[in-house]
Amino acid sequence: MSNKWKYVMGLFFKKRESTKRTKPFILIGYLMRILMGLTLILVIINDFNFNYIKYIILLLGIDSIIDGFERFFKKGK
């Protein structure tokens, strides 16, 4: 990769240290993924009704917010 590309990628993405997730957050993550899978199955069953896609995007956003909370709580310790 060129240095310019690394610089641009560094503006948007930060290296983060991998931390072990706690059990409640692992459980919440699995439940969110199960709900997303079920919603995707509903989309396929209902002839690709894209109104359900907004729920998948909403669940992805909630999962991201929960991940942020977990990182915030880990930094506090």
N, C-alpha and C. Protein backbone atom coordinates (compact mmCIF):
# COMPACT_ATOMS: atom_id res chain seq x y z
N MET A 1 0.83 -1.18 0.00
CA MET A 1 0.00 0.00 0.00
C MET A 1 0.88 1.24 0.00
N SER A 2 0.39 2.24 -0.64
CA SER A 2 1.15 3.49 -0.64
C SER A 2 0.92 4.23 0.67
N ASN A 3 1.81 5.14 0.96
CA ASN A 3 1.71 5.90 2.20
C ASN A 3 0.48 6.79 2.22
N LYS A 4 0.10 7.31 1.04
CA LYS A 4 -1.09 8.16 0.97
C LYS A 4 -2.34 7.35 1.34
N TRP A 5 -2.41 6.13 0.82
CA TRP A 5 -3.57 5.27 1.12
C TRP A 5 -3.62 4.93 2.60
N LYS A 6 -2.46 4.65 3.21
CA LYS A 6 -2.41 4.35 4.65
C LYS A 6 -2.85 5.56 5.46
N TYR A 7 -2.47 6.74 5.01
CA TYR A 7 -2.87 7.96 5.71
C TYR A 7 -4.39 8.14 5.65
N VAL A 8 -4.96 7.94 4.47
CA VAL A 8 -6.41 8.09 4.31
C VAL A 8 -7.15 7.05 5.15
N MET A 9 -6.67 5.82 5.14
CA MET A 9 -7.31 4.77 5.94
C MET A 9 -7.18 5.07 7.43
N GLY A 10 -6.06 5.67 7.82
CA GLY A 10 -5.86 6.02 9.22
C GLY A 10 -6.81 7.10 9.70
N LEU A 11 -7.29 7.94 8.78
CA LEU A 11 -8.25 8.97 9.16
C LEU A 11 -9.60 8.37 9.56
N PHE A 12 -9.96 7.28 8.90
CA PHE A 12 -11.28 6.70 9.13
C PHE A 12 -11.29 5.52 10.09
N PHE A 13 -10.19 4.79 10.15
CA PHE A 13 -10.14 3.59 10.97
C PHE A 13 -9.01 3.69 11.96
N LYS A 14 -9.30 3.33 13.18
CA LYS A 14 -8.31 3.33 14.24
C LYS A 14 -8.02 1.90 14.64
N LYS A 15 -6.77 1.61 14.92
CA LYS A 15 -6.47 0.28 15.42
C LYS A 15 -6.99 0.19 16.85
N ARG A 16 -7.66 -0.88 17.12
CA ARG A 16 -8.18 -1.04 18.48
C ARG A 16 -7.63 -2.33 19.07
N GLU A 17 -7.42 -2.26 20.35
CA GLU A 17 -6.91 -3.44 21.03
C GLU A 17 -8.06 -4.42 21.22
N SER A 18 -7.77 -5.67 21.00
CA SER A 18 -8.82 -6.68 21.15
C SER A 18 -8.93 -7.03 22.63
N THR A 19 -10.13 -6.89 23.13
CA THR A 19 -10.39 -7.21 24.53
C THR A 19 -11.39 -8.35 24.58
N LYS A 20 -11.32 -9.08 25.64
CA LYS A 20 -12.26 -10.19 25.81
C LYS A 20 -13.63 -9.63 26.17
N ARG A 21 -14.63 -10.11 25.50
CA ARG A 21 -15.99 -9.63 25.75
C ARG A 21 -16.56 -10.32 26.98
N THR A 22 -17.42 -9.62 27.68
CA THR A 22 -18.06 -10.20 28.86
C THR A 22 -19.29 -11.00 28.43
N LYS A 23 -19.71 -11.91 29.28
CA LYS A 23 -20.80 -12.83 28.93
C LYS A 23 -22.12 -12.13 28.60
N PRO A 24 -22.54 -11.11 29.34
CA PRO A 24 -23.81 -10.47 28.96
C PRO A 24 -23.77 -9.85 27.56
N PHE A 25 -22.63 -9.25 27.21
CA PHE A 25 -22.54 -8.64 25.89
C PHE A 25 -22.45 -9.69 24.80
N ILE A 26 -21.83 -10.83 25.08
CA ILE A 26 -21.80 -11.92 24.11
C ILE A 26 -23.21 -12.44 23.87
N LEU A 27 -23.98 -12.60 24.94
CA LEU A 27 -25.36 -13.08 24.83
C LEU A 27 -26.21 -12.10 24.03
N ILE A 28 -26.07 -10.81 24.33
CA ILE A 28 -26.84 -9.80 23.59
C ILE A 28 -26.46 -9.82 22.12
N GLY A 29 -25.16 -9.97 21.82
CA GLY A 29 -24.72 -10.03 20.43
C GLY A 29 -25.31 -11.21 19.69
N TYR A 30 -25.33 -12.37 20.34
CA TYR A 30 -25.91 -13.55 19.70
C TYR A 30 -27.41 -13.37 19.47
N LEU A 31 -28.10 -12.80 20.44
CA LEU A 31 -29.54 -12.57 20.27
C LEU A 31 -29.82 -11.61 19.12
N MET A 32 -28.98 -10.57 19.01
CA MET A 32 -29.16 -9.61 17.92
C MET A 32 -28.93 -10.29 16.56
N ARG A 33 -27.93 -11.14 16.49
CA ARG A 33 -27.65 -11.83 15.22
C ARG A 33 -28.77 -12.81 14.86
N ILE A 34 -29.33 -13.47 15.87
CA ILE A 34 -30.47 -14.37 15.62
C ILE A 34 -31.66 -13.57 15.10
N LEU A 35 -31.93 -12.41 15.72
CA LEU A 35 -33.04 -11.57 15.25
C LEU A 35 -32.80 -11.09 13.83
N MET A 36 -31.56 -10.73 13.51
CA MET A 36 -31.26 -10.30 12.14
C MET A 36 -31.46 -11.45 11.15
N GLY A 37 -31.07 -12.65 11.54
CA GLY A 37 -31.26 -13.81 10.67
C GLY A 37 -32.73 -14.11 10.45
N LEU A 38 -33.52 -14.04 11.51
CA LEU A 38 -34.96 -14.27 11.37
C LEU A 38 -35.62 -13.20 10.50
N THR A 39 -35.17 -11.97 10.65
CA THR A 39 -35.70 -10.89 9.82
C THR A 39 -35.33 -11.10 8.36
N LEU A 40 -34.11 -11.58 8.12
CA LEU A 40 -33.70 -11.87 6.75
C LEU A 40 -34.54 -12.99 6.15
N ILE A 41 -34.86 -13.98 6.95
CA ILE A 41 -35.73 -15.06 6.48
C ILE A 41 -37.11 -14.51 6.15
N LEU A 42 -37.62 -13.58 6.97
CA LEU A 42 -38.91 -12.95 6.67
C LEU A 42 -38.86 -12.19 5.35
N VAL A 43 -37.74 -11.53 5.09
CA VAL A 43 -37.59 -10.80 3.83
C VAL A 43 -37.67 -11.77 2.66
N ILE A 44 -37.02 -12.90 2.77
CA ILE A 44 -37.02 -13.88 1.68
C ILE A 44 -38.41 -14.49 1.49
N ILE A 45 -39.07 -14.79 2.61
CA ILE A 45 -40.41 -15.39 2.54
C ILE A 45 -41.42 -14.43 1.92
N ASN A 46 -41.32 -13.15 2.25
CA ASN A 46 -42.29 -12.16 1.76
C ASN A 46 -41.85 -11.53 0.44
N ASP A 47 -41.27 -12.34 -0.43
CA ASP A 47 -40.90 -11.89 -1.78
C ASP A 47 -40.01 -10.65 -1.76
N PHE A 48 -39.00 -10.69 -0.91
CA PHE A 48 -38.01 -9.62 -0.79
C PHE A 48 -38.66 -8.27 -0.54
N ASN A 49 -39.57 -8.26 0.43
CA ASN A 49 -40.20 -7.02 0.86
C ASN A 49 -39.15 -6.19 1.60
N PHE A 50 -38.73 -5.12 0.99
CA PHE A 50 -37.62 -4.33 1.54
C PHE A 50 -38.01 -3.48 2.73
N ASN A 51 -39.28 -3.51 3.14
CA ASN A 51 -39.66 -2.80 4.35
C ASN A 51 -39.04 -3.42 5.59
N TYR A 52 -38.73 -4.72 5.51
CA TYR A 52 -38.10 -5.40 6.64
C TYR A 52 -36.61 -5.09 6.75
N ILE A 53 -36.01 -4.64 5.66
CA ILE A 53 -34.58 -4.35 5.67
C ILE A 53 -34.26 -3.25 6.68
N LYS A 54 -35.18 -2.32 6.89
CA LYS A 54 -34.93 -1.25 7.86
C LYS A 54 -34.75 -1.81 9.27
N TYR A 55 -35.41 -2.93 9.57
CA TYR A 55 -35.23 -3.53 10.88
C TYR A 55 -33.85 -4.17 11.02
N ILE A 56 -33.34 -4.73 9.94
CA ILE A 56 -31.98 -5.29 9.98
C ILE A 56 -30.97 -4.16 10.20
N ILE A 57 -31.15 -3.05 9.49
CA ILE A 57 -30.25 -1.91 9.66
C ILE A 57 -30.36 -1.35 11.06
N LEU A 58 -31.57 -1.29 11.59
CA LEU A 58 -31.77 -0.81 12.97
C LEU A 58 -31.07 -1.72 13.97
N LEU A 59 -31.18 -3.03 13.80
CA LEU A 59 -30.51 -3.97 14.70
C LEU A 59 -28.99 -3.85 14.59
N LEU A 60 -28.48 -3.62 13.39
CA LEU A 60 -27.03 -3.42 13.23
C LEU A 60 -26.58 -2.16 13.97
N GLY A 61 -27.37 -1.11 13.90
CA GLY A 61 -27.04 0.12 14.62
C GLY A 61 -27.07 -0.08 16.13
N ILE A 62 -28.06 -0.79 16.62
CA ILE A 62 -28.15 -1.06 18.05
C ILE A 62 -26.98 -1.92 18.51
N ASP A 63 -26.59 -2.89 17.69
CA ASP A 63 -25.44 -3.74 18.01
C ASP A 63 -24.16 -2.91 18.09
N SER A 64 -24.02 -1.95 17.19
CA SER A 64 -22.85 -1.08 17.21
C SER A 64 -22.84 -0.20 18.46
N ILE A 65 -23.99 0.31 18.85
CA ILE A 65 -24.08 1.15 20.05
C ILE A 65 -23.75 0.33 21.29
N ILE A 66 -24.24 -0.90 21.35
CA ILE A 66 -23.94 -1.77 22.49
C ILE A 66 -22.45 -2.07 22.56
N ASP A 67 -21.82 -2.28 21.39
CA ASP A 67 -20.37 -2.50 21.36
C ASP A 67 -19.63 -1.27 21.88
N GLY A 68 -20.11 -0.09 21.53
CA GLY A 68 -19.51 1.14 22.04
C GLY A 68 -19.63 1.26 23.55
N PHE A 69 -20.80 0.90 24.09
CA PHE A 69 -20.98 0.92 25.54
C PHE A 69 -20.02 -0.04 26.23
N GLU A 70 -19.85 -1.21 25.64
CA GLU A 70 -18.95 -2.19 26.24
C GLU A 70 -17.53 -1.66 26.26
N ARG A 71 -17.08 -1.05 25.17
CA ARG A 71 -15.73 -0.49 25.15
C ARG A 71 -15.58 0.63 26.17
N PHE A 72 -16.63 1.45 26.31
CA PHE A 72 -16.59 2.55 27.27
C PHE A 72 -16.46 2.00 28.70
N PHE A 73 -17.23 0.96 29.01
CA PHE A 73 -17.17 0.38 30.35
C PHE A 73 -15.83 -0.30 30.60
N LYS A 74 -15.25 -0.91 29.55
CA LYS A 74 -13.94 -1.55 29.70
C LYS A 74 -12.84 -0.51 29.95
N LYS A 75 -12.96 0.67 29.32
CA LYS A 75 -11.95 1.71 29.52
C LYS A 75 -12.02 2.26 30.93
N GLY A 76 -13.21 2.28 31.51
CA GLY A 76 -13.40 2.82 32.85
C GLY A 76 -12.76 1.96 33.93
N LYS A 77 -12.57 0.69 33.64
CA LYS A 77 -12.01 -0.22 34.66
C LYS A 77 -10.53 -0.13 34.74
